[in-house]
Amino acid sequence: MTVMDSKVLLWHLYMVRTSHDQLYTGITQDVTRRFMEHQEGGKKAAKYLRGKGPLKLVFQQEIGSRSSALKAEIALKKLPKREKESLADNSGRLILDNLEPTQEKQIRLTG
């Protein structure tokens, strides 16, 4: 086992604002690298973001496992835009309780 094998990278949830004031939500293990890929607009950038720059990273939060990050991404995408804007504008945190798909999702914003 190498040092890289023993290092567990945590997953993050993030939001990017486009020049058209739209919000894009994604997950990654390296927010800085992923945001740069989006800004460059190359093959690794999200198709949705291509040609919509300049882009601004407006929110990021460490989530943990990939599974939890995917569930958090889905939950965040379901929020009304005003709640996403509040999260982005106030540098708040998304509190996700009961993310099991069979249970009701409880989503709270803290600021």
PDB file of N, CA and C in Angstrom:
ATOM      1  N   MET A   1       0.843  -1.179   0.000  1.00  0.00           N
ATOM      2  CA  MET A   1       0.000   0.000   0.000  1.00  0.00           C
ATOM      3  C   MET A   1       0.891   1.246   0.000  1.00  0.00           C
ATOM      4  N   THR A   2       0.612   2.175  -0.898  1.00  0.00           N
ATOM      5  CA  THR A   2       1.387   3.406  -0.971  1.00  0.00           C
ATOM      6  C   THR A   2       0.738   4.473  -0.102  1.00  0.00           C
ATOM      7  N   VAL A   3       1.443   5.596   0.023  1.00  0.00           N
ATOM      8  CA  VAL A   3       0.905   6.705   0.802  1.00  0.00           C
ATOM      9  C   VAL A   3      -0.397   7.203   0.167  1.00  0.00           C
ATOM     10  N   MET A   4      -0.447   7.252  -1.171  1.00  0.00           N
ATOM     11  CA  MET A   4      -1.658   7.710  -1.854  1.00  0.00           C
ATOM     12  C   MET A   4      -2.839   6.777  -1.588  1.00  0.00           C
ATOM     13  N   ASP A   5      -2.580   5.470  -1.506  1.00  0.00           N
ATOM     14  CA  ASP A   5      -3.650   4.514  -1.253  1.00  0.00           C
ATOM     15  C   ASP A   5      -4.267   4.721   0.128  1.00  0.00           C
ATOM     16  N   SER A   6      -3.438   5.082   1.093  1.00  0.00           N
ATOM     17  CA  SER A   6      -3.935   5.226   2.451  1.00  0.00           C
ATOM     18  C   SER A   6      -4.609   6.575   2.688  1.00  0.00           C
ATOM     19  N   LYS A   7      -4.417   7.532   1.779  1.00  0.00           N
ATOM     20  CA  LYS A   7      -5.027   8.845   1.941  1.00  0.00           C
ATOM     21  C   LYS A   7      -6.433   8.828   1.335  1.00  0.00           C
ATOM     22  N   VAL A   8      -7.417   9.106   2.159  1.00  0.00           N
ATOM     23  CA  VAL A   8      -8.796   9.129   1.703  1.00  0.00           C
ATOM     24  C   VAL A   8      -9.163  10.575   1.377  1.00  0.00           C
ATOM     25  N   LEU A   9      -9.549  10.811   0.131  1.00  0.00           N
ATOM     26  CA  LEU A   9      -9.979  12.146  -0.263  1.00  0.00           C
ATOM     27  C   LEU A   9     -11.470  12.277  -0.025  1.00  0.00           C
ATOM     28  N   LEU A  10     -11.851  13.355   0.629  1.00  0.00           N
ATOM     29  CA  LEU A  10     -13.254  13.599   0.922  1.00  0.00           C
ATOM     30  C   LEU A  10     -13.929  14.286  -0.260  1.00  0.00           C
ATOM     31  N   TRP A  11     -15.211  14.108  -0.373  1.00  0.00           N
ATOM     32  CA  TRP A  11     -15.988  14.716  -1.439  1.00  0.00           C
ATOM     33  C   TRP A  11     -16.577  16.046  -0.982  1.00  0.00           C
ATOM     34  N   HIS A  12     -16.720  16.968  -1.930  1.00  0.00           N
ATOM     35  CA  HIS A  12     -17.238  18.304  -1.664  1.00  0.00           C
ATOM     36  C   HIS A  12     -18.406  18.604  -2.596  1.00  0.00           C
ATOM     37  N   LEU A  13     -19.326  19.395  -2.103  1.00  0.00           N
ATOM     38  CA  LEU A  13     -20.443  19.923  -2.868  1.00  0.00           C
ATOM     39  C   LEU A  13     -20.087  21.370  -3.194  1.00  0.00           C
ATOM     40  N   TYR A  14     -20.370  21.820  -4.421  1.00  0.00           N
ATOM     41  CA  TYR A  14     -20.048  23.197  -4.774  1.00  0.00           C
ATOM     42  C   TYR A  14     -21.094  23.782  -5.714  1.00  0.00           C
ATOM     43  N   MET A  15     -21.144  25.131  -5.747  1.00  0.00           N
ATOM     44  CA  MET A  15     -22.000  25.844  -6.690  1.00  0.00           C
ATOM     45  C   MET A  15     -21.175  26.905  -7.409  1.00  0.00           C
ATOM     46  N   VAL A  16     -21.440  27.028  -8.698  1.00  0.00           N
ATOM     47  CA  VAL A  16     -20.764  28.011  -9.552  1.00  0.00           C
ATOM     48  C   VAL A  16     -21.839  28.925 -10.127  1.00  0.00           C
ATOM     49  N   ARG A  17     -21.568  30.233 -10.123  1.00  0.00           N
ATOM     50  CA  ARG A  17     -22.479  31.209 -10.730  1.00  0.00           C
ATOM     51  C   ARG A  17     -21.943  31.581 -12.112  1.00  0.00           C
ATOM     52  N   THR A  18     -22.831  31.585 -13.117  1.00  0.00           N
ATOM     53  CA  THR A  18     -22.448  31.954 -14.476  1.00  0.00           C
ATOM     54  C   THR A  18     -22.624  33.457 -14.675  1.00  0.00           C
ATOM     55  N   SER A  19     -22.154  33.937 -15.813  1.00  0.00           N
ATOM     56  CA  SER A  19     -22.320  35.361 -16.133  1.00  0.00           C
ATOM     57  C   SER A  19     -23.792  35.722 -16.333  1.00  0.00           C
ATOM     58  N   HIS A  20     -24.627  34.720 -16.583  1.00  0.00           N
ATOM     59  CA  HIS A  20     -26.065  34.936 -16.754  1.00  0.00           C
ATOM     60  C   HIS A  20     -26.820  34.760 -15.438  1.00  0.00           C
ATOM     61  N   ASP A  21     -26.084  34.714 -14.330  1.00  0.00           N
ATOM     62  CA  ASP A  21     -26.636  34.608 -12.978  1.00  0.00           C
ATOM     63  C   ASP A  21     -27.339  33.272 -12.724  1.00  0.00           C
ATOM     64  N   GLN A  22     -26.929  32.236 -13.434  1.00  0.00           N
ATOM     65  CA  GLN A  22     -27.445  30.895 -13.199  1.00  0.00           C
ATOM     66  C   GLN A  22     -26.523  30.186 -12.218  1.00  0.00           C
ATOM     67  N   LEU A  23     -27.060  29.217 -11.490  1.00  0.00           N
ATOM     68  CA  LEU A  23     -26.255  28.443 -10.547  1.00  0.00           C
ATOM     69  C   LEU A  23     -26.105  27.011 -11.043  1.00  0.00           C
ATOM     70  N   TYR A  24     -24.878  26.524 -11.011  1.00  0.00           N
ATOM     71  CA  TYR A  24     -24.561  25.147 -11.389  1.00  0.00           C
ATOM     72  C   TYR A  24     -24.079  24.443 -10.130  1.00  0.00           C
ATOM     73  N   THR A  25     -24.572  23.247  -9.880  1.00  0.00           N
ATOM     74  CA  THR A  25     -24.196  22.478  -8.697  1.00  0.00           C
ATOM     75  C   THR A  25     -23.453  21.220  -9.109  1.00  0.00           C
ATOM     76  N   GLY A  26     -22.385  20.895  -8.378  1.00  0.00           N
ATOM     77  CA  GLY A  26     -21.636  19.680  -8.673  1.00  0.00           C
ATOM     78  C   GLY A  26     -20.939  19.145  -7.439  1.00  0.00           C
ATOM     79  N   ILE A  27     -20.286  17.984  -7.607  1.00  0.00           N
ATOM     80  CA  ILE A  27     -19.480  17.393  -6.540  1.00  0.00           C
ATOM     81  C   ILE A  27     -18.107  17.056  -7.092  1.00  0.00           C
ATOM     82  N   THR A  28     -17.120  17.050  -6.222  1.00  0.00           N
ATOM     83  CA  THR A  28     -15.755  16.729  -6.603  1.00  0.00           C
ATOM     84  C   THR A  28     -14.940  16.446  -5.357  1.00  0.00           C
ATOM     85  N   GLN A  29     -13.762  15.872  -5.556  1.00  0.00           N
ATOM     86  CA  GLN A  29     -12.839  15.690  -4.449  1.00  0.00           C
ATOM     87  C   GLN A  29     -11.853  16.853  -4.369  1.00  0.00           C
ATOM     88  N   ASP A  30     -11.741  17.634  -5.424  1.00  0.00           N
ATOM     89  CA  ASP A  30     -10.816  18.765  -5.469  1.00  0.00           C
ATOM     90  C   ASP A  30     -11.535  19.956  -6.106  1.00  0.00           C
ATOM     91  N   VAL A  31     -12.089  20.828  -5.292  1.00  0.00           N
ATOM     92  CA  VAL A  31     -12.899  21.944  -5.776  1.00  0.00           C
ATOM     93  C   VAL A  31     -12.069  22.895  -6.631  1.00  0.00           C
ATOM     94  N   THR A  32     -10.856  23.202  -6.225  1.00  0.00           N
ATOM     95  CA  THR A  32     -10.007  24.133  -6.973  1.00  0.00           C
ATOM     96  C   THR A  32      -9.733  23.609  -8.380  1.00  0.00           C
ATOM     97  N   ARG A  33      -9.332  22.346  -8.473  1.00  0.00           N
ATOM     98  CA  ARG A  33      -9.047  21.750  -9.783  1.00  0.00           C
ATOM     99  C   ARG A  33     -10.290  21.729 -10.655  1.00  0.00           C
ATOM    100  N   ARG A  34     -11.420  21.326 -10.073  1.00  0.00           N
ATOM    101  CA  ARG A  34     -12.652  21.206 -10.845  1.00  0.00           C
ATOM    102  C   ARG A  34     -13.132  22.561 -11.333  1.00  0.00           C
ATOM    103  N   PHE A  35     -13.028  23.584 -10.476  1.00  0.00           N
ATOM    104  CA  PHE A  35     -13.439  24.931 -10.881  1.00  0.00           C
ATOM    105  C   PHE A  35     -12.563  25.429 -12.026  1.00  0.00           C
ATOM    106  N   MET A  36     -11.274  25.155 -11.967  1.00  0.00           N
ATOM    107  CA  MET A  36     -10.363  25.556 -13.052  1.00  0.00           C
ATOM    108  C   MET A  36     -10.750  24.847 -14.353  1.00  0.00           C
ATOM    109  N   GLU A  37     -11.119  23.583 -14.276  1.00  0.00           N
ATOM    110  CA  GLU A  37     -11.560  22.857 -15.472  1.00  0.00           C
ATOM    111  C   GLU A  37     -12.800  23.515 -16.078  1.00  0.00           C
ATOM    112  N   HIS A  38     -13.727  23.922 -15.229  1.00  0.00           N
ATOM    113  CA  HIS A  38     -14.931  24.609 -15.710  1.00  0.00           C
ATOM    114  C   HIS A  38     -14.559  25.941 -16.368  1.00  0.00           C
ATOM    115  N   GLN A  39     -13.659  26.699 -15.751  1.00  0.00           N
ATOM    116  CA  GLN A  39     -13.266  28.001 -16.282  1.00  0.00           C
ATOM    117  C   GLN A  39     -12.571  27.874 -17.638  1.00  0.00           C
ATOM    118  N   GLU A  40     -11.752  26.843 -17.789  1.00  0.00           N
ATOM    119  CA  GLU A  40     -11.015  26.652 -19.039  1.00  0.00           C
ATOM    120  C   GLU A  40     -11.935  26.239 -20.178  1.00  0.00           C
ATOM    121  N   GLY A  41     -13.059  25.622 -19.863  1.00  0.00           N
ATOM    122  CA  GLY A  41     -14.041  25.273 -20.877  1.00  0.00           C
ATOM    123  C   GLY A  41     -13.640  24.146 -21.803  1.00  0.00           C
ATOM    124  N   GLY A  42     -12.667  23.342 -21.427  1.00  0.00           N
ATOM    125  CA  GLY A  42     -12.199  22.241 -22.265  1.00  0.00           C
ATOM    126  C   GLY A  42     -13.082  21.011 -22.155  1.00  0.00           C
ATOM    127  N   LYS A  43     -12.519  19.869 -22.561  1.00  0.00           N
ATOM    128  CA  LYS A  43     -13.267  18.608 -22.557  1.00  0.00           C
ATOM    129  C   LYS A  43     -13.759  18.202 -21.177  1.00  0.00           C
ATOM    130  N   LYS A  44     -13.024  18.570 -20.132  1.00  0.00           N
ATOM    131  CA  LYS A  44     -13.394  18.161 -18.774  1.00  0.00           C
ATOM    132  C   LYS A  44     -14.397  19.104 -18.123  1.00  0.00           C
ATOM    133  N   ALA A  45     -14.676  20.229 -18.748  1.00  0.00           N
ATOM    134  CA  ALA A  45     -15.652  21.179 -18.196  1.00  0.00           C
ATOM    135  C   ALA A  45     -17.064  20.651 -18.408  1.00  0.00           C
ATOM    136  N   ALA A  46     -17.951  21.014 -17.520  1.00  0.00           N
ATOM    137  CA  ALA A  46     -19.358  20.658 -17.692  1.00  0.00           C
ATOM    138  C   ALA A  46     -19.895  21.353 -18.938  1.00  0.00           C
ATOM    139  N   LYS A  47     -20.582  20.622 -19.780  1.00  0.00           N
ATOM    140  CA  LYS A  47     -21.133  21.209 -21.008  1.00  0.00           C
ATOM    141  C   LYS A  47     -22.052  22.382 -20.687  1.00  0.00           C
ATOM    142  N   TYR A  48     -22.778  22.270 -19.597  1.00  0.00           N
ATOM    143  CA  TYR A  48     -23.701  23.329 -19.198  1.00  0.00           C
ATOM    144  C   TYR A  48     -22.987  24.665 -18.996  1.00  0.00           C
ATOM    145  N   LEU A  49     -21.749  24.627 -18.541  1.00  0.00           N
ATOM    146  CA  LEU A  49     -21.028  25.859 -18.210  1.00  0.00           C
ATOM    147  C   LEU A  49     -20.228  26.438 -19.379  1.00  0.00           C
ATOM    148  N   ARG A  50     -20.047  25.682 -20.431  1.00  0.00           N
ATOM    149  CA  ARG A  50     -19.237  26.158 -21.556  1.00  0.00           C
ATOM    150  C   ARG A  50     -19.875  27.393 -22.191  1.00  0.00           C
ATOM    151  N   GLY A  51     -19.075  28.432 -22.347  1.00  0.00           N
ATOM    152  CA  GLY A  51     -19.541  29.666 -22.969  1.00  0.00           C
ATOM    153  C   GLY A  51     -20.369  30.550 -22.065  1.00  0.00           C
ATOM    154  N   LYS A  52     -20.433  30.245 -20.770  1.00  0.00           N
ATOM    155  CA  LYS A  52     -21.243  31.032 -19.844  1.00  0.00           C
ATOM    156  C   LYS A  52     -20.391  31.797 -18.842  1.00  0.00           C
ATOM    157  N   GLY A  53     -19.102  31.953 -19.145  1.00  0.00           N
ATOM    158  CA  GLY A  53     -18.194  32.652 -18.243  1.00  0.00           C
ATOM    159  C   GLY A  53     -18.340  34.150 -18.382  1.00  0.00           C
ATOM    160  N   PRO A  54     -17.723  34.913 -17.488  1.00  0.00           N
ATOM    161  CA  PRO A  54     -16.854  34.400 -16.421  1.00  0.00           C
ATOM    162  C   PRO A  54     -17.671  33.700 -15.336  1.00  0.00           C
ATOM    163  N   LEU A  55     -17.032  32.710 -14.746  1.00  0.00           N
ATOM    164  CA  LEU A  55     -17.650  31.913 -13.703  1.00  0.00           C
ATOM    165  C   LEU A  55     -17.137  32.351 -12.343  1.00  0.00           C
ATOM    166  N   LYS A  56     -17.959  32.135 -11.327  1.00  0.00           N
ATOM    167  CA  LYS A  56     -17.563  32.476  -9.959  1.00  0.00           C
ATOM    168  C   LYS A  56     -17.967  31.335  -9.038  1.00  0.00           C
ATOM    169  N   LEU A  57     -17.020  30.840  -8.261  1.00  0.00           N
ATOM    170  CA  LEU A  57     -17.310  29.820  -7.260  1.00  0.00           C
ATOM    171  C   LEU A  57     -17.983  30.511  -6.080  1.00  0.00           C
ATOM    172  N   VAL A  58     -19.247  30.165  -5.799  1.00  0.00           N
ATOM    173  CA  VAL A  58     -20.005  30.884  -4.771  1.00  0.00           C
ATOM    174  C   VAL A  58     -20.288  30.058  -3.535  1.00  0.00           C
ATOM    175  N   PHE A  59     -20.045  28.743  -3.604  1.00  0.00           N
ATOM    176  CA  PHE A  59     -20.325  27.899  -2.450  1.00  0.00           C
ATOM    177  C   PHE A  59     -19.522  26.617  -2.556  1.00  0.00           C
ATOM    178  N   GLN A  60     -18.986  26.180  -1.423  1.00  0.00           N
ATOM    179  CA  GLN A  60     -18.378  24.857  -1.342  1.00  0.00           C
ATOM    180  C   GLN A  60     -18.495  24.350   0.090  1.00  0.00           C
ATOM    181  N   GLN A  61     -18.693  23.042   0.202  1.00  0.00           N
ATOM    182  CA  GLN A  61     -18.836  22.439   1.522  1.00  0.00           C
ATOM    183  C   GLN A  61     -18.333  21.008   1.466  1.00  0.00           C
ATOM    184  N   GLU A  62     -17.512  20.654   2.427  1.00  0.00           N
ATOM    185  CA  GLU A  62     -17.036  19.278   2.548  1.00  0.00           C
ATOM    186  C   GLU A  62     -18.210  18.409   2.993  1.00  0.00           C
ATOM    187  N   ILE A  63     -18.390  17.278   2.300  1.00  0.00           N
ATOM    188  CA  ILE A  63     -19.510  16.394   2.611  1.00  0.00           C
ATOM    189  C   ILE A  63     -19.030  15.094   3.230  1.00  0.00           C
ATOM    190  N   GLY A  64     -18.029  14.468   2.639  1.00  0.00           N
ATOM    191  CA  GLY A  64     -17.535  13.190   3.155  1.00  0.00           C
ATOM    192  C   GLY A  64     -17.441  12.160   2.051  1.00  0.00           C
ATOM    193  N   SER A  65     -18.302  11.142   2.127  1.00  0.00           N
ATOM    194  CA  SER A  65     -18.258  10.056   1.144  1.00  0.00           C
ATOM    195  C   SER A  65     -18.881  10.484  -0.187  1.00  0.00           C
ATOM    196  N   ARG A  66     -18.556   9.749  -1.232  1.00  0.00           N
ATOM    197  CA  ARG A  66     -19.136  10.025  -2.557  1.00  0.00           C
ATOM    198  C   ARG A  66     -20.644   9.840  -2.519  1.00  0.00           C
ATOM    199  N   SER A  67     -21.094   8.809  -1.851  1.00  0.00           N
ATOM    200  CA  SER A  67     -22.521   8.542  -1.741  1.00  0.00           C
ATOM    201  C   SER A  67     -23.245   9.713  -1.075  1.00  0.00           C
ATOM    202  N   SER A  68     -22.705  10.201   0.018  1.00  0.00           N
ATOM    203  CA  SER A  68     -23.317  11.342   0.713  1.00  0.00           C
ATOM    204  C   SER A  68     -23.291  12.589  -0.154  1.00  0.00           C
ATOM    205  N   ALA A  69     -22.202  12.789  -0.895  1.00  0.00           N
ATOM    206  CA  ALA A  69     -22.085  13.954  -1.768  1.00  0.00           C
ATOM    207  C   ALA A  69     -23.119  13.908  -2.891  1.00  0.00           C
ATOM    208  N   LEU A  70     -23.327  12.738  -3.467  1.00  0.00           N
ATOM    209  CA  LEU A  70     -24.345  12.596  -4.518  1.00  0.00           C
ATOM    210  C   LEU A  70     -25.739  12.896  -3.970  1.00  0.00           C
ATOM    211  N   LYS A  71     -26.022  12.391  -2.780  1.00  0.00           N
ATOM    212  CA  LYS A  71     -27.323  12.648  -2.157  1.00  0.00           C
ATOM    213  C   LYS A  71     -27.491  14.133  -1.827  1.00  0.00           C
ATOM    214  N   ALA A  72     -26.420  14.767  -1.359  1.00  0.00           N
ATOM    215  CA  ALA A  72     -26.463  16.195  -1.046  1.00  0.00           C
ATOM    216  C   ALA A  72     -26.665  17.018  -2.318  1.00  0.00           C
ATOM    217  N   GLU A  73     -26.010  16.608  -3.401  1.00  0.00           N
ATOM    218  CA  GLU A  73     -26.160  17.315  -4.681  1.00  0.00           C
ATOM    219  C   GLU A  73     -27.614  17.253  -5.152  1.00  0.00           C
ATOM    220  N   ILE A  74     -28.216  16.091  -5.083  1.00  0.00           N
ATOM    221  CA  ILE A  74     -29.614  15.937  -5.488  1.00  0.00           C
ATOM    222  C   ILE A  74     -30.523  16.803  -4.616  1.00  0.00           C
ATOM    223  N   ALA A  75     -30.277  16.779  -3.314  1.00  0.00           N
ATOM    224  CA  ALA A  75     -31.092  17.572  -2.383  1.00  0.00           C
ATOM    225  C   ALA A  75     -30.949  19.062  -2.665  1.00  0.00           C
ATOM    226  N   LEU A  76     -29.722  19.532  -2.919  1.00  0.00           N
ATOM    227  CA  LEU A  76     -29.488  20.947  -3.192  1.00  0.00           C
ATOM    228  C   LEU A  76     -30.163  21.358  -4.498  1.00  0.00           C
ATOM    229  N   LYS A  77     -30.097  20.518  -5.496  1.00  0.00           N
ATOM    230  CA  LYS A  77     -30.723  20.836  -6.782  1.00  0.00           C
ATOM    231  C   LYS A  77     -32.238  20.951  -6.667  1.00  0.00           C
ATOM    232  N   LYS A  78     -32.827  20.292  -5.690  1.00  0.00           N
ATOM    233  CA  LYS A  78     -34.279  20.342  -5.496  1.00  0.00           C
ATOM    234  C   LYS A  78     -34.733  21.583  -4.729  1.00  0.00           C
ATOM    235  N   LEU A  79     -33.811  22.309  -4.103  1.00  0.00           N
ATOM    236  CA  LEU A  79     -34.181  23.509  -3.357  1.00  0.00           C
ATOM    237  C   LEU A  79     -34.652  24.605  -4.305  1.00  0.00           C
ATOM    238  N   PRO A  80     -35.558  25.465  -3.846  1.00  0.00           N
ATOM    239  CA  PRO A  80     -35.950  26.623  -4.655  1.00  0.00           C
ATOM    240  C   PRO A  80     -34.742  27.547  -4.859  1.00  0.00           C
ATOM    241  N   LYS A  81     -34.739  28.285  -5.962  1.00  0.00           N
ATOM    242  CA  LYS A  81     -33.591  29.137  -6.274  1.00  0.00           C
ATOM    243  C   LYS A  81     -33.305  30.140  -5.152  1.00  0.00           C
ATOM    244  N   ARG A  82     -34.341  30.663  -4.520  1.00  0.00           N
ATOM    245  CA  ARG A  82     -34.108  31.660  -3.456  1.00  0.00           C
ATOM    246  C   ARG A  82     -33.304  31.058  -2.307  1.00  0.00           C
ATOM    247  N   GLU A  83     -33.513  29.782  -2.002  1.00  0.00           N
ATOM    248  CA  GLU A  83     -32.754  29.134  -0.936  1.00  0.00           C
ATOM    249  C   GLU A  83     -31.313  28.873  -1.380  1.00  0.00           C
ATOM    250  N   LYS A  84     -31.127  28.518  -2.646  1.00  0.00           N
ATOM    251  CA  LYS A  84     -29.763  28.349  -3.172  1.00  0.00           C
ATOM    252  C   LYS A  84     -29.033  29.675  -3.138  1.00  0.00           C
ATOM    253  N   GLU A  85     -29.733  30.755  -3.516  1.00  0.00           N
ATOM    254  CA  GLU A  85     -29.127  32.092  -3.503  1.00  0.00           C
ATOM    255  C   GLU A  85     -28.738  32.493  -2.086  1.00  0.00           C
ATOM    256  N   SER A  86     -29.594  32.189  -1.123  1.00  0.00           N
ATOM    257  CA  SER A  86     -29.305  32.497   0.266  1.00  0.00           C
ATOM    258  C   SER A  86     -28.050  31.756   0.732  1.00  0.00           C
ATOM    259  N   LEU A  87     -27.948  30.525   0.349  1.00  0.00           N
ATOM    260  CA  LEU A  87     -26.787  29.715   0.693  1.00  0.00           C
ATOM    261  C   LEU A  87     -25.518  30.308   0.081  1.00  0.00           C
ATOM    262  N   ALA A  88     -25.591  30.694  -1.178  1.00  0.00           N
ATOM    263  CA  ALA A  88     -24.432  31.249  -1.882  1.00  0.00           C
ATOM    264  C   ALA A  88     -24.059  32.633  -1.349  1.00  0.00           C
ATOM    265  N   ASP A  89     -25.058  33.469  -1.090  1.00  0.00           N
ATOM    266  CA  ASP A  89     -24.799  34.847  -0.681  1.00  0.00           C
ATOM    267  C   ASP A  89     -24.339  34.984   0.762  1.00  0.00           C
ATOM    268  N   ASN A  90     -24.769  34.073   1.626  1.00  0.00           N
ATOM    269  CA  ASN A  90     -24.482  34.200   3.047  1.00  0.00           C
ATOM    270  C   ASN A  90     -23.364  33.296   3.533  1.00  0.00           C
ATOM    271  N   SER A  91     -22.705  32.604   2.624  1.00  0.00           N
ATOM    272  CA  SER A  91     -21.639  31.665   2.997  1.00  0.00           C
ATOM    273  C   SER A  91     -22.105  30.709   4.090  1.00  0.00           C
ATOM    274  N   GLY A  92     -23.344  30.296   3.990  1.00  0.00           N
ATOM    275  CA  GLY A  92     -23.904  29.369   4.965  1.00  0.00           C
ATOM    276  C   GLY A  92     -23.459  27.947   4.696  1.00  0.00           C
ATOM    277  N   ARG A  93     -24.037  27.039   5.447  1.00  0.00           N
ATOM    278  CA  ARG A  93     -23.753  25.620   5.269  1.00  0.00           C
ATOM    279  C   ARG A  93     -25.070  24.893   5.081  1.00  0.00           C
ATOM    280  N   LEU A  94     -25.018  23.856   4.310  1.00  0.00           N
ATOM    281  CA  LEU A  94     -26.185  23.024   4.072  1.00  0.00           C
ATOM    282  C   LEU A  94     -26.159  21.887   5.083  1.00  0.00           C
ATOM    283  N   ILE A  95     -27.195  21.770   5.882  1.00  0.00           N
ATOM    284  CA  ILE A  95     -27.292  20.691   6.855  1.00  0.00           C
ATOM    285  C   ILE A  95     -28.244  19.649   6.284  1.00  0.00           C
ATOM    286  N   LEU A  96     -27.743  18.465   6.058  1.00  0.00           N
ATOM    287  CA  LEU A  96     -28.546  17.408   5.450  1.00  0.00           C
ATOM    288  C   LEU A  96     -28.765  16.305   6.466  1.00  0.00           C
ATOM    289  N   ASP A  97     -29.997  16.117   6.856  1.00  0.00           N
ATOM    290  CA  ASP A  97     -30.371  15.058   7.791  1.00  0.00           C
ATOM    291  C   ASP A  97     -31.168  14.006   7.035  1.00  0.00           C
ATOM    292  N   ASN A  98     -30.965  12.762   7.391  1.00  0.00           N
ATOM    293  CA  ASN A  98     -31.750  11.667   6.824  1.00  0.00           C
ATOM    294  C   ASN A  98     -31.691  11.618   5.303  1.00  0.00           C
ATOM    295  N   LEU A  99     -30.512  11.424   4.768  1.00  0.00           N
ATOM    296  CA  LEU A  99     -30.365  11.394   3.321  1.00  0.00           C
ATOM    297  C   LEU A  99     -30.642  10.027   2.705  1.00  0.00           C
ATOM    298  N   GLU A 100     -31.161   9.108   3.477  1.00  0.00           N
ATOM    299  CA  GLU A 100     -31.500   7.808   2.912  1.00  0.00           C
ATOM    300  C   GLU A 100     -32.630   7.995   1.907  1.00  0.00           C
ATOM    301  N   PRO A 101     -32.531   7.392   0.723  1.00  0.00           N
ATOM    302  CA  PRO A 101     -33.533   7.612  -0.319  1.00  0.00           C
ATOM    303  C   PRO A 101     -34.944   7.189   0.072  1.00  0.00           C
ATOM    304  N   THR A 102     -35.088   6.294   1.025  1.00  0.00           N
ATOM    305  CA  THR A 102     -36.416   5.828   1.412  1.00  0.00           C
ATOM    306  C   THR A 102     -37.058   6.712   2.474  1.00  0.00           C
ATOM    307  N   GLN A 103     -36.294   7.640   3.026  1.00  0.00           N
ATOM    308  CA  GLN A 103     -36.823   8.503   4.074  1.00  0.00           C
ATOM    309  C   GLN A 103     -37.029   9.918   3.545  1.00  0.00           C
ATOM    310  N   GLU A 104     -37.876  10.676   4.220  1.00  0.00           N
ATOM    311  CA  GLU A 104     -38.096  12.068   3.876  1.00  0.00           C
ATOM    312  C   GLU A 104     -36.811  12.855   4.141  1.00  0.00           C
ATOM    313  N   LYS A 105     -36.448  13.727   3.223  1.00  0.00           N
ATOM    314  CA  LYS A 105     -35.221  14.520   3.375  1.00  0.00           C
ATOM    315  C   LYS A 105     -35.519  15.773   4.187  1.00  0.00           C
ATOM    316  N   GLN A 106     -34.686  16.039   5.148  1.00  0.00           N
ATOM    317  CA  GLN A 106     -34.792  17.252   5.935  1.00  0.00           C
ATOM    318  C   GLN A 106     -33.594  18.120   5.580  1.00  0.00           C
ATOM    319  N   ILE A 107     -33.841  19.274   5.022  1.00  0.00           N
ATOM    320  CA  ILE A 107     -32.771  20.155   4.557  1.00  0.00           C
ATOM    321  C   ILE A 107     -32.891  21.479   5.285  1.00  0.00           C
ATOM    322  N   ARG A 108     -31.793  21.926   5.860  1.00  0.00           N
ATOM    323  CA  ARG A 108     -31.766  23.202   6.535  1.00  0.00           C
ATOM    324  C   ARG A 108     -30.554  23.989   6.081  1.00  0.00           C
ATOM    325  N   LEU A 109     -30.674  25.286   6.072  1.00  0.00           N
ATOM    326  CA  LEU A 109     -29.557  26.174   5.781  1.00  0.00           C
ATOM    327  C   LEU A 109     -29.169  26.852   7.066  1.00  0.00           C
ATOM    328  N   THR A 110     -27.869  26.986   7.276  1.00  0.00           N
ATOM    329  CA  THR A 110     -27.414  27.767   8.417  1.00  0.00           C
ATOM    330  C   THR A 110     -26.530  28.888   7.893  1.00  0.00           C
ATOM    331  N   GLY A 111     -26.519  29.991   8.547  1.00  0.00           N
ATOM    332  CA  GLY A 111     -25.744  31.117   8.050  1.00  0.00           C
ATOM    333  C   GLY A 111     -25.005  31.730   9.091  1.00  0.00           C
TER     334      GLY A 111
END
